[in-house]
Protein backbone atom coordinates (compact mmCIF):
# COMPACT_ATOMS: atom_id res chain seq x y z
CA MET A 1 -46.76 3.69 -22.45
CA GLU A 2 -48.56 7.08 -21.99
CA GLN A 3 -49.60 7.81 -18.38
CA ASP A 4 -53.04 9.01 -17.58
CA TYR A 5 -53.00 12.37 -15.51
CA LEU A 6 -56.14 12.77 -13.31
CA GLU A 7 -57.67 15.98 -11.55
CA PRO A 8 -58.91 14.71 -8.25
CA TYR A 9 -62.33 15.88 -6.61
CA CYS A 10 -61.36 18.27 -3.96
CA GLN A 11 -63.43 20.06 -1.30
CA TRP A 12 -62.43 22.68 1.00
CA LYS A 13 -64.12 23.01 4.25
CA ARG A 14 -64.01 25.80 6.65
CA GLU A 15 -64.32 24.85 10.39
CA LYS A 16 -63.95 27.00 13.49
CA GLY A 17 -60.41 26.39 14.46
CA TYR A 18 -59.08 24.84 11.27
CA ASP A 19 -59.63 24.48 7.66
CA ALA A 20 -59.59 21.18 5.79
CA ILE A 21 -59.11 20.09 2.29
CA GLU A 22 -60.64 16.59 1.23
CA ILE A 23 -59.05 14.81 -1.68
CA GLU A 24 -60.58 11.75 -3.46
CA LEU A 25 -57.66 9.52 -4.30
CA HIS A 26 -59.67 6.12 -5.00
CA GLY A 27 -57.37 3.62 -6.58
CA PHE A 28 -54.41 4.98 -4.86
CA ASN A 29 -52.72 3.50 -1.71
CA ILE A 30 -50.89 5.48 0.80
CA ASP A 31 -47.34 4.30 -0.72
CA ASP A 32 -48.49 6.05 -3.96
CA VAL A 33 -49.24 9.40 -2.34
CA LYS A 34 -46.76 12.21 -1.37
CA VAL A 35 -47.57 15.48 0.38
CA VAL A 36 -45.18 18.37 0.58
CA LEU A 37 -45.26 21.75 2.09
CA LYS A 38 -43.06 24.41 1.30
CA GLN A 39 -42.71 28.13 1.34
CA ILE A 40 -42.93 29.55 -2.33
CA GLU A 41 -42.50 33.32 -1.37
CA GLU A 42 -42.66 35.70 1.50
CA GLY A 43 -46.06 35.28 3.18
CA LYS A 44 -47.17 32.13 0.97
CA SER A 45 -46.73 28.49 1.38
CA MET A 46 -47.75 25.53 -1.03
CA ILE A 47 -49.24 22.08 -0.34
CA SER A 48 -48.52 19.81 -3.18
CA ILE A 49 -50.20 16.53 -3.32
CA MET A 50 -48.66 14.00 -5.82
CA ALA A 51 -49.71 10.47 -6.34
CA GLU A 52 -48.73 7.92 -8.91
CA ASN A 53 -49.21 4.21 -9.65
CA PRO A 54 -50.07 3.60 -13.41
CA ARG A 55 -52.22 6.95 -13.06
CA CYS A 56 -50.70 10.18 -11.85
CA LEU A 57 -52.00 13.33 -10.34
CA HIS A 58 -50.36 16.33 -8.81
CA LYS A 59 -52.71 19.11 -7.24
CA ARG A 60 -51.43 22.15 -5.46
CA PHE A 61 -52.85 24.68 -2.92
CA GLU A 62 -51.50 28.24 -2.06
CA ILE A 63 -51.68 28.83 1.60
CA PRO A 64 -51.13 32.51 3.38
CA ASN A 65 -48.87 32.07 6.29
CA ASP A 66 -50.48 34.77 8.27
CA ILE A 67 -53.62 33.02 8.50
CA TYR A 68 -52.64 29.39 9.33
CA ASN A 69 -50.28 27.89 11.75
CA LEU A 70 -48.26 25.61 9.46
CA GLU A 71 -46.11 23.88 11.70
CA GLN A 72 -49.46 21.91 12.93
CA ILE A 73 -50.92 20.67 9.50
CA ARG A 74 -52.14 17.32 9.75
CA ALA A 75 -52.71 14.78 6.87
CA LEU A 76 -54.80 11.47 6.93
CA PHE A 77 -55.30 8.94 4.27
CA TRP A 78 -58.25 6.83 4.85
CA ASN A 79 -60.64 4.77 2.72
CA GLY A 80 -59.37 6.51 -0.69
CA LYS A 81 -59.68 9.96 0.62
CA LEU A 82 -56.61 12.47 1.74
CA ASN A 83 -57.98 14.63 4.54
CA ILE A 84 -55.53 17.78 5.32
CA GLU A 85 -56.40 19.77 8.43
CA ILE A 86 -54.55 23.27 8.59
CA PRO A 87 -55.22 24.94 11.93
CA LYS A 88 -55.98 28.68 11.91
CA LYS A 89 -53.94 30.93 14.02
């Protein structure tokens, strides 16, 4: 069976003390979604969002380490949307 790969709708929002990424994941539940933060090179990290049920998606965002406080990232999945808040230094 061939899997259906999706490109989710994403919106980047800039706020005063943080930036936020909002990702539409309608049709997925929290057990389907995995969010990973890893350093990819000196001064840069990557947020990877993977979700899988009969459909699959994988979305990546590069994040500069010098602008954001990566130890305080928060993710909230609610009502088919994943919100990731990335505090600024």
